[in-house]
Amino acid sequence: MRVVKEAEERRNEILDAADELFGQKGFDGTSTNDILEKVGIARGTLYYHFKSKEDIMDALIERYNVRILQAAQEIAADKSIPVSERIIRVVMALNISGGSSKEIIELIHKPQNALMHQKIQKVIINGVTPILAGIIREGIEQGLFSTPYPYECMEMIVAYTNTVFDDDMVIMTNEERALRIQAFVYNAERLLGAESGSLACVTQMFGSGNGGSNE
């Protein structure tokens, strides 16, 4: 007897299978046939939900995006947390939200998943920047920061951290990484018009600040 499933349930089954296969074989190494066999569906069913393999990847990224940004937004909205701590927690949410985030990070850093990596970076820059800018505006009201460009400042900071502190983009020794972190905090304070040393706690975003990375 043929099993007929609700469209949303079937769609999620396809995404779950693709997520697992991309992690095992990479995006380029996974064929639509692989996905069909894993889910046990006909090609027409797959194309009813997704136009192409890249369409599946985009849907996966959107799923990661929703989970990550929802966690970041919840943190940003919690006024009981001090401004500086909220900044740290929002950025750290990119790595800790959801149970499979480590697998996601490992997946997108594989050479064969360069396109997925690029799309995730785009999501982070466009999605996280306005969340952080909102916190900075609160800090301006509280007298912690002084800048007429809260959004642009955070865009610069997010773009920098998303590239220079990405182990695939810039290869650094522990010593070089520690120096970059010091320079980052120094310049972030000046961009935001913050008191010198007031953002030293931001080094928590990078582990201990002594070279601990997400490698």
Protein backbone atom coordinates (compact mmCIF):
# COMPACT_ATOMS: atom_id res chain seq x y z
CA MET A 1 0.00 0.00 0.00
CA ARG A 2 1.41 3.41 -0.99
CA VAL A 3 2.13 5.69 1.93
CA VAL A 4 0.86 9.25 1.40
CA LYS A 5 2.38 11.82 3.73
CA GLU A 6 1.53 15.43 4.42
CA ALA A 7 3.53 17.84 2.25
CA GLU A 8 5.34 19.48 5.17
CA GLU A 9 6.30 16.14 6.69
CA ARG A 10 7.64 14.87 3.36
CA ARG A 11 9.52 18.10 2.78
CA ASN A 12 11.22 17.81 6.16
CA GLU A 13 12.13 14.19 5.45
CA ILE A 14 13.88 15.29 2.27
CA LEU A 15 15.71 18.06 4.13
CA ASP A 16 16.77 15.71 6.94
CA ALA A 17 18.10 13.19 4.42
CA ALA A 18 19.95 15.87 2.44
CA ASP A 19 21.41 17.31 5.67
CA GLU A 20 22.82 13.90 6.59
CA LEU A 21 24.12 13.16 3.09
CA PHE A 22 25.74 16.58 2.66
CA GLY A 23 27.52 15.97 5.97
CA GLN A 24 28.78 12.58 4.81
CA LYS A 25 29.57 13.20 1.16
CA GLY A 26 29.55 16.97 0.74
CA PHE A 27 27.12 18.98 -1.35
CA ASP A 28 28.91 18.32 -4.64
CA GLY A 29 29.37 14.64 -3.83
CA THR A 30 25.68 14.07 -3.12
CA SER A 31 23.39 13.37 -6.07
CA THR A 32 19.63 13.73 -6.22
CA ASN A 33 19.56 9.95 -6.67
CA ASP A 34 21.27 9.59 -3.28
CA ILE A 35 18.53 11.68 -1.69
CA LEU A 36 15.78 9.76 -3.50
CA GLU A 37 17.15 6.42 -2.31
CA LYS A 38 17.57 7.58 1.28
CA VAL A 39 14.02 8.95 1.55
CA GLY A 40 12.51 6.22 -0.62
CA ILE A 41 10.55 8.48 -2.96
CA ALA A 42 10.12 8.98 -6.69
CA ARG A 43 11.91 11.77 -8.55
CA GLY A 44 8.61 13.51 -9.23
CA THR A 45 7.93 13.74 -5.49
CA LEU A 46 11.32 15.35 -4.90
CA TYR A 47 10.77 17.91 -7.65
CA TYR A 48 7.30 18.66 -6.32
CA HIS A 49 8.96 20.06 -3.20
CA PHE A 50 12.30 21.30 -4.57
CA LYS A 51 13.33 22.44 -8.05
CA SER A 52 16.97 21.37 -7.69
CA LYS A 53 19.68 20.22 -5.30
CA GLU A 54 20.68 23.86 -4.77
CA ASP A 55 17.07 24.61 -3.86
CA ILE A 56 17.36 21.93 -1.16
CA MET A 57 20.56 23.54 0.10
CA ASP A 58 18.87 26.94 0.23
CA ALA A 59 16.01 25.45 2.27
CA LEU A 60 18.50 23.86 4.68
CA ILE A 61 20.30 27.18 5.12
CA GLU A 62 16.96 28.87 5.75
CA ARG A 63 16.22 26.27 8.43
CA TYR A 64 19.59 26.94 10.10
CA ASN A 65 18.94 30.65 9.68
CA VAL A 66 15.57 30.55 11.45
CA ARG A 67 16.98 28.55 14.38
CA ILE A 68 20.10 30.67 14.82
CA LEU A 69 18.46 34.07 14.41
CA GLN A 70 15.55 33.15 16.68
CA ALA A 71 18.01 32.35 19.48
CA ALA A 72 19.89 35.61 18.83
CA GLN A 73 16.68 37.67 18.83
CA GLU A 74 15.51 36.15 22.11
CA ILE A 75 18.81 37.07 23.75
CA ALA A 76 18.77 40.60 22.31
CA ALA A 77 15.24 41.17 23.63
CA ASP A 78 16.15 40.23 27.23
CA LYS A 79 16.59 43.63 28.88
CA SER A 80 17.64 42.00 32.14
CA ILE A 81 21.00 41.13 30.57
CA PRO A 82 23.56 43.99 30.44
CA VAL A 83 24.28 45.40 26.97
CA SER A 84 27.87 44.13 26.70
CA GLU A 85 26.89 40.63 27.82
CA ARG A 86 24.02 40.55 25.34
CA ILE A 87 26.42 41.37 22.50
CA ILE A 88 28.59 38.41 23.51
CA ARG A 89 25.64 36.04 23.87
CA VAL A 90 24.16 36.99 20.50
CA VAL A 91 27.43 36.26 18.70
CA MET A 92 27.95 33.04 20.64
CA ALA A 93 24.43 31.94 19.69
CA LEU A 94 25.75 31.49 16.17
CA ASN A 95 27.76 28.54 17.45
CA ILE A 96 25.62 27.04 20.21
CA SER A 97 21.99 27.25 19.07
CA GLY A 98 20.41 23.95 18.14
CA GLY A 99 21.70 20.46 18.70
CA SER A 100 23.39 19.97 15.33
CA SER A 101 25.20 23.31 15.03
CA LYS A 102 28.65 21.70 15.32
CA GLU A 103 27.80 19.38 12.46
CA ILE A 104 26.58 22.38 10.45
CA ILE A 105 29.83 24.27 11.04
CA GLU A 106 31.90 21.21 10.07
CA LEU A 107 29.71 20.69 7.01
CA ILE A 108 30.00 24.20 5.61
CA HIS A 109 33.77 24.32 6.20
CA LYS A 110 34.41 21.36 3.93
CA PRO A 111 36.03 22.47 0.63
CA GLN A 112 33.31 20.79 -1.41
CA ASN A 113 30.68 22.93 0.37
CA ALA A 114 32.14 26.35 -0.52
CA LEU A 115 28.83 27.59 -1.94
CA MET A 116 26.97 26.62 1.22
CA HIS A 117 29.65 28.37 3.29
CA GLN A 118 29.23 31.55 1.26
CA LYS A 119 25.46 31.50 1.70
CA ILE A 120 25.72 30.96 5.46
CA GLN A 121 28.10 33.92 5.70
CA LYS A 122 25.58 36.06 3.82
CA VAL A 123 22.86 35.04 6.29
CA ILE A 124 25.05 35.95 9.25
CA ILE A 125 26.05 39.38 7.91
CA ASN A 126 22.52 40.33 6.86
CA GLY A 127 20.68 38.71 9.76
CA VAL A 128 22.88 39.30 12.80
CA THR A 129 23.93 42.88 12.04
CA PRO A 130 20.49 44.46 12.67
CA ILE A 131 20.07 42.44 15.88
CA LEU A 132 23.40 43.70 17.22
CA ALA A 133 22.72 47.25 15.99
CA GLY A 134 19.57 47.29 18.13
CA ILE A 135 21.64 46.44 21.21
CA ILE A 136 24.16 49.15 20.32
CA ARG A 137 21.34 51.71 20.12
CA GLU A 138 20.35 50.74 23.65
CA GLY A 139 23.98 51.22 24.68
CA ILE A 140 23.96 54.69 23.13
CA GLU A 141 20.85 55.59 25.17
CA GLN A 142 22.61 54.34 28.30
CA GLY A 143 25.73 56.40 27.54
CA LEU A 144 27.92 53.32 26.95
CA PHE A 145 28.53 54.06 23.26
CA SER A 146 28.69 57.18 21.13
CA THR A 147 28.35 56.73 17.38
CA PRO A 148 25.98 58.10 14.73
CA TYR A 149 26.42 54.85 12.80
CA PRO A 150 25.31 51.91 15.00
CA TYR A 151 24.24 49.70 12.06
CA GLU A 152 27.28 50.44 9.91
CA CYS A 153 29.64 49.86 12.85
CA MET A 154 28.13 46.46 13.55
CA GLU A 155 28.16 45.57 9.86
CA MET A 156 31.92 46.26 9.78
CA ILE A 157 32.47 44.25 12.97
CA VAL A 158 30.35 41.28 11.86
CA ALA A 159 31.96 41.21 8.41
CA TYR A 160 35.43 41.31 9.96
CA THR A 161 34.79 38.57 12.51
CA ASN A 162 33.00 36.47 9.89
CA THR A 163 36.06 36.46 7.63
CA VAL A 164 39.26 37.04 9.61
CA PHE A 165 38.24 34.71 12.45
CA ASP A 166 37.02 32.06 10.02
CA ASP A 167 39.74 29.42 10.04
CA ASP A 168 39.16 28.73 6.35
CA MET A 169 39.75 32.34 5.32
CA VAL A 170 42.77 33.39 7.37
CA ILE A 171 45.29 30.90 8.74
CA MET A 172 46.80 32.11 12.03
CA THR A 173 49.01 30.82 14.79
CA ASN A 174 47.67 31.07 18.35
CA GLU A 175 49.89 34.11 18.91
CA GLU A 176 48.64 35.84 15.78
CA ARG A 177 45.05 35.07 16.71
CA ALA A 178 45.52 36.51 20.22
CA LEU A 179 46.97 39.70 18.71
CA ARG A 180 44.07 39.97 16.23
CA ILE A 181 41.60 39.66 19.11
CA GLN A 182 43.32 42.46 21.06
CA ALA A 183 43.32 44.67 17.96
CA PHE A 184 39.68 43.82 17.27
CA VAL A 185 38.54 44.89 20.76
CA TYR A 186 40.72 48.04 20.64
CA ASN A 187 39.24 49.14 17.31
CA ALA A 188 35.67 48.10 18.17
CA GLU A 189 35.77 50.40 21.20
CA ARG A 190 36.84 53.28 18.98
CA LEU A 191 34.27 52.54 16.29
CA LEU A 192 31.50 52.57 18.90
CA GLY A 193 32.87 55.48 20.92
CA ALA A 194 33.15 53.26 24.00
CA GLU A 195 35.38 53.83 27.00
CA SER A 196 38.80 52.19 26.61
CA GLY A 197 38.75 48.70 28.12
CA SER A 198 34.95 48.59 28.40
CA LEU A 199 34.65 45.86 25.75
CA ALA A 200 37.49 43.69 27.03
CA CYS A 201 34.88 41.09 28.00
CA VAL A 202 34.18 40.60 24.29
CA THR A 203 37.22 38.31 24.17
CA GLN A 204 34.90 35.67 25.66
CA MET A 205 33.45 35.31 22.17
CA PHE A 206 36.75 33.81 21.07
CA GLY A 207 37.20 31.39 23.96
CA SER A 208 39.88 32.53 26.35
CA GLY A 209 41.40 34.91 23.81
CA ASN A 210 44.64 32.95 23.82
CA GLY A 211 44.13 31.06 20.62
CA GLY A 212 41.19 28.86 21.51
CA SER A 213 39.28 28.46 18.29
CA ASN A 214 36.50 26.35 16.92
CA GLU A 215 38.85 24.13 14.95
